Amino acid sequence: MPSYPHALRLLSLVLIAGLLGGCTAMVVGGAATGAVAAHDRRTIGTFIEDKEIHVKALRILHSDKELEQQSNIDITVYNLQVLLTGQAANAEIVTRFADKIARIARVRKVYNEVVIGAEGTWSDAAADAYLTSRVKLALFDVGIKDFDPLRVKVVSSDGTVYLMGLLTPDEADAVTEKVRFVSGVKKVVKLFEYL
C-alpha cells in the first residue's frame, strides 16, 4: 500500500507532538509555515516576523478599551507592512493606533485605510468575506505562465479590494485587471511590492 508509509509518518508525528505537550502548536505551526513557504516569496524569517507583528498589533488593539469599543479594525500584515481596514468612530483613535503600530519593531510601513463612520454590520463582514473568496478564485484564471495565485494577499472592506504581495510588474498588472472585473468590486487598491 503506497499510503501506508505516509500514514505511519503522520501517526509518528502526532505521537511525538502528544509527548511534547505544550509544543504541539509549534509542530503544527511549523508544518503550516513550511506549506505556506512553498508558495510565498517572503522568506521564512519574514513570514514569522509578520505573524509576530500581527500578534503585537492585536495586543495593542485589545489593550485600548476606547479603541476596542469604538472601532472595528482589521489588521493585515504582509512583508513587514501593516494594512488597517474597517471602521472607527473618530480619526483620533485610529491615528493613535496607527502610530503605535508603526513603532513595532521591524514594521516598514502602515497603510491606514480605516473609514471614519458607523461600524460595519455582520452582513457587511459576510459580504466582504464572500467578495474576498470570489477574488481569490478569480486569481486562478490569471493568464500568466507559472503564476501562483497564492502569492497574492487579498483583503476586502466595504467593496474595496486591497491586494498585497511580492509580484513582478506583469503579474501585478494581470492580477489587477482580473480583480477589476469581479462582480461586487467597487475599487482596487494595489499595495504590491515589485520584484
N, C-alpha and C. Protein backbone atom coordinates (compact mmCIF):
# COMPACT_ATOMS: atom_id res chain seq x y z
N MET A 1 0.84 -1.18 0.00
CA MET A 1 0.00 0.00 0.00
C MET A 1 0.88 1.24 0.00
N PRO A 2 0.75 2.13 -1.00
CA PRO A 2 1.60 3.31 -1.06
C PRO A 2 1.31 4.31 0.04
N SER A 3 0.09 4.34 0.58
CA SER A 3 -0.24 5.34 1.60
C SER A 3 0.20 4.91 3.00
N TYR A 4 0.58 3.65 3.18
CA TYR A 4 0.97 3.15 4.50
C TYR A 4 2.16 3.92 5.08
N PRO A 5 3.27 4.11 4.34
CA PRO A 5 4.39 4.85 4.93
C PRO A 5 4.00 6.28 5.30
N HIS A 6 3.17 6.90 4.47
CA HIS A 6 2.72 8.26 4.77
C HIS A 6 1.90 8.27 6.06
N ALA A 7 0.99 7.32 6.19
CA ALA A 7 0.15 7.23 7.39
C ALA A 7 1.01 6.98 8.63
N LEU A 8 2.02 6.13 8.49
CA LEU A 8 2.92 5.83 9.61
C LEU A 8 3.69 7.09 10.03
N ARG A 9 4.16 7.85 9.06
CA ARG A 9 4.88 9.10 9.38
C ARG A 9 3.94 10.08 10.09
N LEU A 10 2.70 10.18 9.59
CA LEU A 10 1.73 11.07 10.20
C LEU A 10 1.41 10.66 11.64
N LEU A 11 1.22 9.35 11.85
CA LEU A 11 0.95 8.85 13.19
C LEU A 11 2.13 9.13 14.12
N SER A 12 3.35 8.94 13.62
CA SER A 12 4.55 9.23 14.42
C SER A 12 4.60 10.69 14.82
N LEU A 13 4.27 11.57 13.87
CA LEU A 13 4.28 13.00 14.15
C LEU A 13 3.25 13.34 15.23
N VAL A 14 2.07 12.76 15.13
CA VAL A 14 1.02 13.01 16.13
C VAL A 14 1.46 12.52 17.50
N LEU A 15 2.06 11.33 17.56
CA LEU A 15 2.52 10.79 18.84
C LEU A 15 3.63 11.65 19.44
N ILE A 16 4.57 12.08 18.62
CA ILE A 16 5.65 12.93 19.11
C ILE A 16 5.08 14.25 19.61
N ALA A 17 4.14 14.80 18.84
CA ALA A 17 3.51 16.06 19.26
C ALA A 17 2.82 15.88 20.61
N GLY A 18 2.16 14.74 20.81
CA GLY A 18 1.50 14.46 22.08
C GLY A 18 2.49 14.37 23.22
N LEU A 19 3.65 13.77 22.98
CA LEU A 19 4.67 13.67 24.02
C LEU A 19 5.26 15.02 24.37
N LEU A 20 5.27 15.93 23.39
CA LEU A 20 5.84 17.25 23.63
C LEU A 20 4.90 18.16 24.40
N GLY A 21 3.64 17.74 24.53
CA GLY A 21 2.69 18.52 25.32
C GLY A 21 2.45 19.90 24.74
N GLY A 22 2.94 20.92 25.42
CA GLY A 22 2.73 22.30 25.00
C GLY A 22 3.38 22.66 23.69
N CYS A 23 4.22 21.78 23.18
CA CYS A 23 4.91 22.08 21.93
C CYS A 23 4.11 21.70 20.70
N THR A 24 2.90 21.17 20.88
CA THR A 24 2.07 20.75 19.75
C THR A 24 1.85 21.90 18.78
N ALA A 25 1.57 23.07 19.32
CA ALA A 25 1.33 24.23 18.45
C ALA A 25 2.55 24.55 17.61
N MET A 26 3.72 24.34 18.19
CA MET A 26 4.95 24.61 17.43
C MET A 26 5.09 23.62 16.28
N VAL A 27 4.77 22.36 16.52
CA VAL A 27 4.88 21.35 15.48
C VAL A 27 3.89 21.65 14.36
N VAL A 28 2.64 21.89 14.71
CA VAL A 28 1.61 22.20 13.72
C VAL A 28 1.93 23.51 13.03
N GLY A 29 2.33 24.53 13.81
CA GLY A 29 2.68 25.83 13.24
C GLY A 29 3.85 25.73 12.29
N GLY A 30 4.82 24.91 12.64
CA GLY A 30 5.98 24.71 11.77
C GLY A 30 5.59 24.07 10.46
N ALA A 31 4.67 23.10 10.52
CA ALA A 31 4.21 22.45 9.29
C ALA A 31 3.45 23.44 8.42
N ALA A 32 2.62 24.28 9.04
CA ALA A 32 1.87 25.29 8.28
C ALA A 32 2.82 26.29 7.66
N THR A 33 3.84 26.70 8.40
CA THR A 33 4.82 27.64 7.87
C THR A 33 5.51 27.06 6.65
N GLY A 34 5.89 25.78 6.72
CA GLY A 34 6.53 25.13 5.58
C GLY A 34 5.63 25.07 4.37
N ALA A 35 4.34 24.81 4.59
CA ALA A 35 3.38 24.74 3.48
C ALA A 35 3.21 26.10 2.82
N VAL A 36 3.14 27.15 3.62
CA VAL A 36 3.00 28.50 3.07
C VAL A 36 4.26 28.89 2.31
N ALA A 37 5.41 28.53 2.84
CA ALA A 37 6.68 28.90 2.22
C ALA A 37 6.83 28.34 0.81
N ALA A 38 6.15 27.24 0.53
CA ALA A 38 6.23 26.65 -0.80
C ALA A 38 5.61 27.58 -1.84
N HIS A 39 4.67 28.43 -1.45
CA HIS A 39 4.00 29.33 -2.38
C HIS A 39 4.44 30.78 -2.22
N ASP A 40 4.92 31.14 -1.07
CA ASP A 40 5.17 32.52 -0.71
C ASP A 40 6.57 32.95 -1.13
N ARG A 41 6.70 34.18 -1.59
CA ARG A 41 8.01 34.71 -1.95
C ARG A 41 8.71 35.38 -0.77
N ARG A 42 8.01 35.51 0.35
CA ARG A 42 8.67 36.01 1.54
C ARG A 42 9.61 34.94 2.07
N THR A 43 10.65 35.36 2.78
CA THR A 43 11.49 34.38 3.44
C THR A 43 10.72 33.81 4.63
N ILE A 44 11.14 32.66 5.12
CA ILE A 44 10.52 32.08 6.31
C ILE A 44 10.64 33.05 7.48
N GLY A 45 11.81 33.68 7.59
CA GLY A 45 12.01 34.65 8.68
C GLY A 45 11.03 35.80 8.61
N THR A 46 10.79 36.33 7.41
CA THR A 46 9.84 37.44 7.25
C THR A 46 8.42 36.96 7.53
N PHE A 47 8.09 35.75 7.06
CA PHE A 47 6.77 35.19 7.32
C PHE A 47 6.52 35.12 8.83
N ILE A 48 7.50 34.64 9.58
CA ILE A 48 7.37 34.53 11.04
C ILE A 48 7.29 35.92 11.67
N GLU A 49 8.11 36.86 11.19
CA GLU A 49 8.05 38.22 11.73
C GLU A 49 6.68 38.86 11.48
N ASP A 50 6.10 38.59 10.31
CA ASP A 50 4.75 39.10 10.02
C ASP A 50 3.75 38.59 11.05
N LYS A 51 3.85 37.31 11.40
CA LYS A 51 2.95 36.74 12.41
C LYS A 51 3.17 37.42 13.77
N GLU A 52 4.44 37.66 14.12
CA GLU A 52 4.75 38.30 15.40
C GLU A 52 4.22 39.74 15.43
N ILE A 53 4.37 40.47 14.33
CA ILE A 53 3.85 41.83 14.25
C ILE A 53 2.33 41.82 14.41
N HIS A 54 1.67 40.86 13.77
CA HIS A 54 0.22 40.76 13.84
C HIS A 54 -0.23 40.54 15.29
N VAL A 55 0.44 39.66 16.00
CA VAL A 55 0.09 39.38 17.40
C VAL A 55 0.30 40.63 18.26
N LYS A 56 1.41 41.34 18.04
CA LYS A 56 1.68 42.56 18.82
C LYS A 56 0.62 43.62 18.52
N ALA A 57 0.24 43.75 17.26
CA ALA A 57 -0.78 44.74 16.88
C ALA A 57 -2.12 44.41 17.52
N LEU A 58 -2.47 43.12 17.55
CA LEU A 58 -3.72 42.71 18.20
C LEU A 58 -3.68 43.01 19.70
N ARG A 59 -2.54 42.81 20.32
CA ARG A 59 -2.41 43.13 21.75
C ARG A 59 -2.63 44.62 22.00
N ILE A 60 -2.06 45.45 21.13
CA ILE A 60 -2.25 46.89 21.26
C ILE A 60 -3.73 47.24 21.10
N LEU A 61 -4.37 46.66 20.10
CA LEU A 61 -5.79 46.92 19.85
C LEU A 61 -6.64 46.54 21.05
N HIS A 62 -6.42 45.34 21.59
CA HIS A 62 -7.26 44.85 22.68
C HIS A 62 -6.90 45.45 24.04
N SER A 63 -5.76 46.11 24.15
CA SER A 63 -5.41 46.75 25.42
C SER A 63 -5.95 48.17 25.51
N ASP A 64 -6.48 48.70 24.39
CA ASP A 64 -7.04 50.05 24.35
C ASP A 64 -8.56 49.94 24.33
N LYS A 65 -9.19 50.11 25.50
CA LYS A 65 -10.64 49.91 25.62
C LYS A 65 -11.44 50.87 24.74
N GLU A 66 -10.99 52.13 24.65
CA GLU A 66 -11.70 53.09 23.81
C GLU A 66 -11.67 52.65 22.35
N LEU A 67 -10.52 52.25 21.90
CA LEU A 67 -10.37 51.79 20.52
C LEU A 67 -11.19 50.53 20.27
N GLU A 68 -11.15 49.63 21.21
CA GLU A 68 -11.88 48.37 21.07
C GLU A 68 -13.39 48.60 21.02
N GLN A 69 -13.88 49.56 21.80
CA GLN A 69 -15.32 49.82 21.85
C GLN A 69 -15.82 50.70 20.71
N GLN A 70 -14.94 51.52 20.13
CA GLN A 70 -15.38 52.48 19.13
C GLN A 70 -14.85 52.19 17.73
N SER A 71 -14.41 50.96 17.50
CA SER A 71 -13.90 50.65 16.17
C SER A 71 -14.10 49.17 15.84
N ASN A 72 -13.95 48.92 14.59
CA ASN A 72 -13.99 47.55 14.07
C ASN A 72 -12.84 47.46 13.07
N ILE A 73 -11.62 47.37 13.59
CA ILE A 73 -10.42 47.44 12.76
C ILE A 73 -9.87 46.05 12.51
N ASP A 74 -9.58 45.78 11.24
CA ASP A 74 -8.91 44.54 10.85
C ASP A 74 -7.45 44.85 10.55
N ILE A 75 -6.58 43.94 10.94
CA ILE A 75 -5.14 44.13 10.79
C ILE A 75 -4.61 43.03 9.87
N THR A 76 -3.92 43.44 8.81
CA THR A 76 -3.29 42.50 7.90
C THR A 76 -1.81 42.86 7.82
N VAL A 77 -0.94 41.87 7.94
CA VAL A 77 0.50 42.11 7.87
C VAL A 77 1.08 41.26 6.75
N TYR A 78 1.83 41.92 5.87
CA TYR A 78 2.48 41.20 4.77
C TYR A 78 3.82 41.87 4.46
N ASN A 79 4.88 41.10 4.57
CA ASN A 79 6.23 41.55 4.27
C ASN A 79 6.60 42.80 5.09
N LEU A 80 6.29 42.76 6.38
CA LEU A 80 6.62 43.79 7.36
C LEU A 80 5.85 45.09 7.13
N GLN A 81 4.77 45.01 6.35
CA GLN A 81 3.90 46.16 6.13
C GLN A 81 2.53 45.83 6.71
N VAL A 82 1.89 46.82 7.32
CA VAL A 82 0.63 46.61 8.01
C VAL A 82 -0.47 47.38 7.29
N LEU A 83 -1.57 46.69 7.01
CA LEU A 83 -2.76 47.29 6.43
C LEU A 83 -3.86 47.30 7.48
N LEU A 84 -4.39 48.48 7.76
CA LEU A 84 -5.50 48.64 8.69
C LEU A 84 -6.75 48.97 7.89
N THR A 85 -7.79 48.16 8.04
CA THR A 85 -9.06 48.39 7.35
C THR A 85 -10.19 48.31 8.38
N GLY A 86 -11.39 48.65 7.95
CA GLY A 86 -12.54 48.60 8.83
C GLY A 86 -13.09 49.99 9.09
N GLN A 87 -13.74 50.16 10.25
CA GLN A 87 -14.38 51.42 10.58
C GLN A 87 -14.02 51.83 12.01
N ALA A 88 -14.12 53.14 12.25
CA ALA A 88 -13.90 53.66 13.61
C ALA A 88 -14.76 54.90 13.80
N ALA A 89 -15.06 55.20 15.06
CA ALA A 89 -15.93 56.32 15.40
C ALA A 89 -15.28 57.67 15.13
N ASN A 90 -13.96 57.74 15.35
CA ASN A 90 -13.28 59.02 15.08
C ASN A 90 -11.85 58.79 14.64
N ALA A 91 -11.33 59.79 13.94
CA ALA A 91 -9.99 59.68 13.34
C ALA A 91 -8.88 59.67 14.39
N GLU A 92 -9.11 60.34 15.50
CA GLU A 92 -8.06 60.46 16.52
C GLU A 92 -7.64 59.10 17.07
N ILE A 93 -8.60 58.25 17.39
CA ILE A 93 -8.24 56.95 17.96
C ILE A 93 -7.54 56.07 16.92
N VAL A 94 -7.90 56.22 15.65
CA VAL A 94 -7.26 55.44 14.59
C VAL A 94 -5.83 55.92 14.37
N THR A 95 -5.63 57.23 14.36
CA THR A 95 -4.29 57.79 14.18
C THR A 95 -3.39 57.34 15.33
N ARG A 96 -3.91 57.40 16.55
CA ARG A 96 -3.15 56.96 17.72
C ARG A 96 -2.75 55.49 17.58
N PHE A 97 -3.70 54.67 17.14
CA PHE A 97 -3.43 53.24 16.96
C PHE A 97 -2.39 53.03 15.86
N ALA A 98 -2.55 53.69 14.72
CA ALA A 98 -1.61 53.54 13.61
C ALA A 98 -0.20 53.95 14.03
N ASP A 99 -0.08 55.00 14.83
CA ASP A 99 1.23 55.44 15.32
C ASP A 99 1.88 54.38 16.21
N LYS A 100 1.07 53.74 17.04
CA LYS A 100 1.62 52.67 17.90
C LYS A 100 2.07 51.48 17.05
N ILE A 101 1.30 51.15 16.02
CA ILE A 101 1.67 50.04 15.15
C ILE A 101 2.98 50.35 14.43
N ALA A 102 3.14 51.60 13.99
CA ALA A 102 4.35 52.00 13.27
C ALA A 102 5.60 51.86 14.13
N ARG A 103 5.43 51.90 15.45
CA ARG A 103 6.57 51.79 16.36
C ARG A 103 6.94 50.35 16.72
N ILE A 104 6.15 49.38 16.25
CA ILE A 104 6.52 47.98 16.49
C ILE A 104 7.80 47.69 15.71
N ALA A 105 8.72 47.01 16.34
CA ALA A 105 10.00 46.70 15.70
C ALA A 105 9.79 46.00 14.36
N ARG A 106 10.52 46.43 13.38
CA ARG A 106 10.60 45.85 12.02
C ARG A 106 9.43 46.25 11.12
N VAL A 107 8.43 46.97 11.60
CA VAL A 107 7.35 47.43 10.73
C VAL A 107 7.93 48.49 9.79
N ARG A 108 7.77 48.26 8.49
CA ARG A 108 8.32 49.20 7.50
C ARG A 108 7.32 50.27 7.09
N LYS A 109 6.03 49.94 7.08
CA LYS A 109 5.02 50.90 6.62
C LYS A 109 3.66 50.49 7.17
N VAL A 110 2.83 51.51 7.47
CA VAL A 110 1.46 51.27 7.90
C VAL A 110 0.53 51.96 6.89
N TYR A 111 -0.37 51.18 6.31
CA TYR A 111 -1.40 51.72 5.43
C TYR A 111 -2.67 51.86 6.25
N ASN A 112 -3.05 53.09 6.55
CA ASN A 112 -4.24 53.33 7.35
C ASN A 112 -5.42 53.58 6.41
N GLU A 113 -6.22 52.54 6.18
CA GLU A 113 -7.37 52.62 5.28
C GLU A 113 -8.69 52.51 6.07
N VAL A 114 -8.63 52.81 7.37
CA VAL A 114 -9.82 52.74 8.22
C VAL A 114 -10.75 53.89 7.85
N VAL A 115 -12.02 53.57 7.67
CA VAL A 115 -13.05 54.56 7.33
C VAL A 115 -13.66 55.08 8.62
N ILE A 116 -13.81 56.40 8.70
CA ILE A 116 -14.43 57.00 9.86
C ILE A 116 -15.94 57.02 9.63
N GLY A 117 -16.67 56.37 10.50
CA GLY A 117 -18.12 56.30 10.35
C GLY A 117 -18.68 55.14 11.15
N ALA A 118 -19.91 54.80 10.83
CA ALA A 118 -20.61 53.74 11.57
C ALA A 118 -19.92 52.40 11.37
N GLU A 119 -19.91 51.62 12.45
CA GLU A 119 -19.30 50.31 12.41
C GLU A 119 -20.08 49.38 11.48
N GLY A 120 -19.35 48.58 10.72
CA GLY A 120 -19.99 47.65 9.80
C GLY A 120 -20.79 46.59 10.54
N THR A 121 -21.77 46.05 9.84
CA THR A 121 -22.63 45.01 10.43
C THR A 121 -22.07 43.63 10.12
N TRP A 122 -22.72 42.64 10.71
CA TRP A 122 -22.33 41.26 10.43
C TRP A 122 -22.52 40.94 8.95
N SER A 123 -23.59 41.45 8.36
CA SER A 123 -23.83 41.18 6.93
C SER A 123 -22.78 41.86 6.06
N ASP A 124 -22.27 43.03 6.49
CA ASP A 124 -21.18 43.69 5.76
C ASP A 124 -19.93 42.82 5.79
N ALA A 125 -19.62 42.28 6.96
CA ALA A 125 -18.45 41.40 7.10
C ALA A 125 -18.60 40.15 6.25
N ALA A 126 -19.81 39.60 6.23
CA ALA A 126 -20.06 38.40 5.41
C ALA A 126 -19.91 38.72 3.93
N ALA A 127 -20.39 39.89 3.51
CA ALA A 127 -20.26 40.30 2.11
C ALA A 127 -18.79 40.48 1.73
N ASP A 128 -18.00 41.06 2.65
CA ASP A 128 -16.56 41.21 2.38
C ASP A 128 -15.86 39.87 2.28
N ALA A 129 -16.21 38.95 3.16
CA ALA A 129 -15.61 37.61 3.13
C ALA A 129 -15.97 36.90 1.82
N TYR A 130 -17.20 37.04 1.39
CA TYR A 130 -17.64 36.42 0.14
C TYR A 130 -16.91 37.05 -1.05
N LEU A 131 -16.75 38.37 -1.03
CA LEU A 131 -16.03 39.06 -2.11
C LEU A 131 -14.58 38.60 -2.16
N THR A 132 -13.95 38.49 -0.99
CA THR A 132 -12.57 38.02 -0.93
C THR A 132 -12.44 36.64 -1.54
N SER A 133 -13.37 35.75 -1.22
CA SER A 133 -13.31 34.39 -1.77
C SER A 133 -13.49 34.39 -3.28
N ARG A 134 -14.37 35.26 -3.81
CA ARG A 134 -14.56 35.34 -5.25
C ARG A 134 -13.33 35.89 -5.96
N VAL A 135 -12.69 36.88 -5.34
CA VAL A 135 -11.46 37.44 -5.91
C VAL A 135 -10.36 36.39 -5.93
N LYS A 136 -10.20 35.67 -4.81
CA LYS A 136 -9.17 34.63 -4.75
C LYS A 136 -9.41 33.56 -5.81
N LEU A 137 -10.65 33.19 -6.01
CA LEU A 137 -11.00 32.20 -7.04
C LEU A 137 -10.66 32.74 -8.43
N ALA A 138 -10.96 34.00 -8.68
CA ALA A 138 -10.67 34.61 -9.99
C ALA A 138 -9.18 34.61 -10.29
N LEU A 139 -8.35 34.70 -9.25
CA LEU A 139 -6.90 34.75 -9.47
C LEU A 139 -6.35 33.46 -10.06
N PHE A 140 -7.11 32.37 -9.96
CA PHE A 140 -6.67 31.12 -10.57
C PHE A 140 -6.76 31.17 -12.10
N ASP A 141 -7.43 32.22 -12.62
CA ASP A 141 -7.56 32.38 -14.07
C ASP A 141 -6.65 33.45 -14.64
N VAL A 142 -5.69 33.93 -13.86
CA VAL A 142 -4.74 34.91 -14.38
C VAL A 142 -3.88 34.21 -15.43
N GLY A 143 -3.83 34.78 -16.61
CA GLY A 143 -3.20 34.10 -17.74
C GLY A 143 -1.71 34.32 -17.87
N ILE A 144 -0.96 34.08 -16.83
CA ILE A 144 0.50 34.19 -16.89
C ILE A 144 1.09 32.83 -16.54
N LYS A 145 2.00 32.37 -17.36
CA LYS A 145 2.62 31.06 -17.15
C LYS A 145 3.29 31.01 -15.77
N ASP A 146 3.05 29.92 -15.07
CA ASP A 146 3.63 29.65 -13.75
C ASP A 146 3.21 30.65 -12.67
N PHE A 147 2.15 31.42 -12.91
CA PHE A 147 1.67 32.35 -11.88
C PHE A 147 1.02 31.56 -10.76
N ASP A 148 1.37 31.89 -9.53
CA ASP A 148 0.81 31.24 -8.35
C ASP A 148 -0.12 32.21 -7.64
N PRO A 149 -1.43 31.99 -7.73
CA PRO A 149 -2.39 32.92 -7.11
C PRO A 149 -2.27 32.99 -5.59
N LEU A 150 -1.65 32.00 -4.98
CA LEU A 150 -1.50 32.01 -3.53
C LEU A 150 -0.46 33.03 -3.07
N ARG A 151 0.23 33.67 -4.00
CA ARG A 151 1.21 34.70 -3.66
C ARG A 151 0.56 36.07 -3.48
N VAL A 152 -0.74 36.15 -3.69
CA VAL A 152 -1.45 37.42 -3.56
C VAL A 152 -2.30 37.39 -2.29
N LYS A 153 -2.08 38.39 -1.44
CA LYS A 153 -2.89 38.55 -0.23
C LYS A 153 -4.05 39.46 -0.59
N VAL A 154 -5.27 38.98 -0.36
CA VAL A 154 -6.49 39.72 -0.73
C VAL A 154 -7.24 40.10 0.55
N VAL A 155 -7.56 41.38 0.67
CA VAL A 155 -8.34 41.88 1.80
C VAL A 155 -9.48 42.72 1.21
N SER A 156 -10.70 42.46 1.64
CA SER A 156 -11.86 43.24 1.18
C SER A 156 -12.48 43.99 2.35
N SER A 157 -12.85 45.24 2.08
CA SER A 157 -13.51 46.05 3.10
C SER A 157 -14.50 46.98 2.41
N ASP A 158 -15.78 46.72 2.62
CA ASP A 158 -16.86 47.52 2.05
C ASP A 158 -16.74 47.66 0.53
N GLY A 159 -16.41 46.56 -0.13
CA GLY A 159 -16.33 46.54 -1.59
C GLY A 159 -15.01 46.98 -2.17
N THR A 160 -14.12 47.53 -1.34
CA THR A 160 -12.78 47.87 -1.79
C THR A 160 -11.89 46.66 -1.57
N VAL A 161 -11.13 46.30 -2.61
CA VAL A 161 -10.25 45.13 -2.52
C VAL A 161 -8.80 45.62 -2.49
N TYR A 162 -8.09 45.24 -1.44
CA TYR A 162 -6.68 45.58 -1.27
C TYR A 162 -5.86 44.35 -1.66
N LEU A 163 -4.84 44.57 -2.47
CA LEU A 163 -4.00 43.48 -2.96
C LEU A 163 -2.58 43.70 -2.49
N MET A 164 -2.01 42.69 -1.83
CA MET A 164 -0.64 42.74 -1.34
C MET A 164 0.12 41.54 -1.89
N GLY A 165 1.41 41.65 -1.99
CA GLY A 165 2.22 40.53 -2.43
C GLY A 165 3.51 40.99 -3.06
N LEU A 166 4.40 40.04 -3.26
CA LEU A 166 5.66 40.29 -3.95
C LEU A 166 5.50 39.74 -5.36
N LEU A 167 5.29 40.64 -6.32
CA LEU A 167 5.00 40.22 -7.68
C LEU A 167 5.87 40.96 -8.68
N THR A 168 5.97 40.40 -9.88
CA THR A 168 6.59 41.13 -10.98
C THR A 168 5.59 42.16 -11.46
N PRO A 169 6.03 43.21 -12.15
CA PRO A 169 5.08 44.18 -12.69
C PRO A 169 4.03 43.54 -13.60
N ASP A 170 4.42 42.58 -14.42
CA ASP A 170 3.46 41.91 -15.31
C ASP A 170 2.41 41.15 -14.50
N GLU A 171 2.85 40.45 -13.45
CA GLU A 171 1.90 39.73 -12.60
C GLU A 171 0.94 40.71 -11.93
N ALA A 172 1.47 41.81 -11.41
CA ALA A 172 0.64 42.79 -10.71
C ALA A 172 -0.41 43.38 -11.65
N ASP A 173 0.00 43.70 -12.87
CA ASP A 173 -0.95 44.25 -13.84
C ASP A 173 -2.04 43.25 -14.18
N ALA A 174 -1.65 42.00 -14.40
CA ALA A 174 -2.63 40.96 -14.76
C ALA A 174 -3.59 40.70 -13.60
N VAL A 175 -3.07 40.67 -12.38
CA VAL A 175 -3.92 40.45 -11.20
C VAL A 175 -4.91 41.59 -11.05
N THR A 176 -4.42 42.82 -11.15
CA THR A 176 -5.30 43.99 -11.01
C THR A 176 -6.40 43.99 -12.06
N GLU A 177 -6.03 43.68 -13.30
CA GLU A 177 -7.02 43.65 -14.38
C GLU A 177 -8.07 42.58 -14.12
N LYS A 178 -7.66 41.44 -13.63
CA LYS A 178 -8.60 40.35 -13.34
C LYS A 178 -9.55 40.75 -12.20
N VAL A 179 -9.01 41.35 -11.15
CA VAL A 179 -9.81 41.70 -9.97
C VAL A 179 -10.81 42.81 -10.29
N ARG A 180 -10.43 43.74 -11.15
CA ARG A 180 -11.32 44.86 -11.50
C ARG A 180 -12.68 44.39 -12.01
N PHE A 181 -12.70 43.21 -12.63
CA PHE A 181 -13.93 42.74 -13.27
C PHE A 181 -14.70 41.70 -12.44
N VAL A 182 -14.26 41.49 -11.19
CA VAL A 182 -15.01 40.59 -10.31
C VAL A 182 -16.25 41.34 -9.83
N SER A 183 -17.39 40.70 -9.95
CA SER A 183 -18.65 41.32 -9.54
C SER A 183 -18.61 41.69 -8.06
N GLY A 184 -19.00 42.93 -7.75
CA GLY A 184 -19.03 43.40 -6.37
C GLY A 184 -17.83 44.24 -5.99
N VAL A 185 -16.78 44.24 -6.83
CA VAL A 185 -15.60 45.05 -6.53
C VAL A 185 -15.88 46.50 -6.91
N LYS A 186 -15.81 47.39 -5.93
CA LYS A 186 -16.04 48.81 -6.18
C LYS A 186 -14.75 49.53 -6.51
N LYS A 187 -13.66 49.07 -5.89
CA LYS A 187 -12.37 49.75 -6.05
C LYS A 187 -11.26 48.75 -5.77
N VAL A 188 -10.15 48.88 -6.48
CA VAL A 188 -8.98 48.03 -6.25
C VAL A 188 -7.82 48.91 -5.80
N VAL A 189 -7.21 48.55 -4.69
CA VAL A 189 -6.05 49.28 -4.17
C VAL A 189 -4.85 48.34 -4.22
N LYS A 190 -3.85 48.71 -5.02
CA LYS A 190 -2.65 47.89 -5.16
C LYS A 190 -1.61 48.31 -4.13
N LEU A 191 -1.20 47.36 -3.30
CA LEU A 191 -0.16 47.58 -2.32
C LEU A 191 0.99 46.62 -2.56
N PHE A 192 1.17 46.24 -3.82
CA PHE A 192 2.21 45.27 -4.17
C PHE A 192 3.60 45.86 -3.97
N GLU A 193 4.55 44.95 -3.76
CA GLU A 193 5.96 45.27 -3.87
C GLU A 193 6.45 44.50 -5.08
N TYR A 194 7.31 45.15 -5.86
CA TYR A 194 7.70 44.58 -7.15
C TYR A 194 9.07 43.92 -7.10
N LEU A 195 9.16 42.79 -7.79
CA LEU A 195 10.41 42.04 -7.89
C LEU A 195 11.21 42.54 -9.07
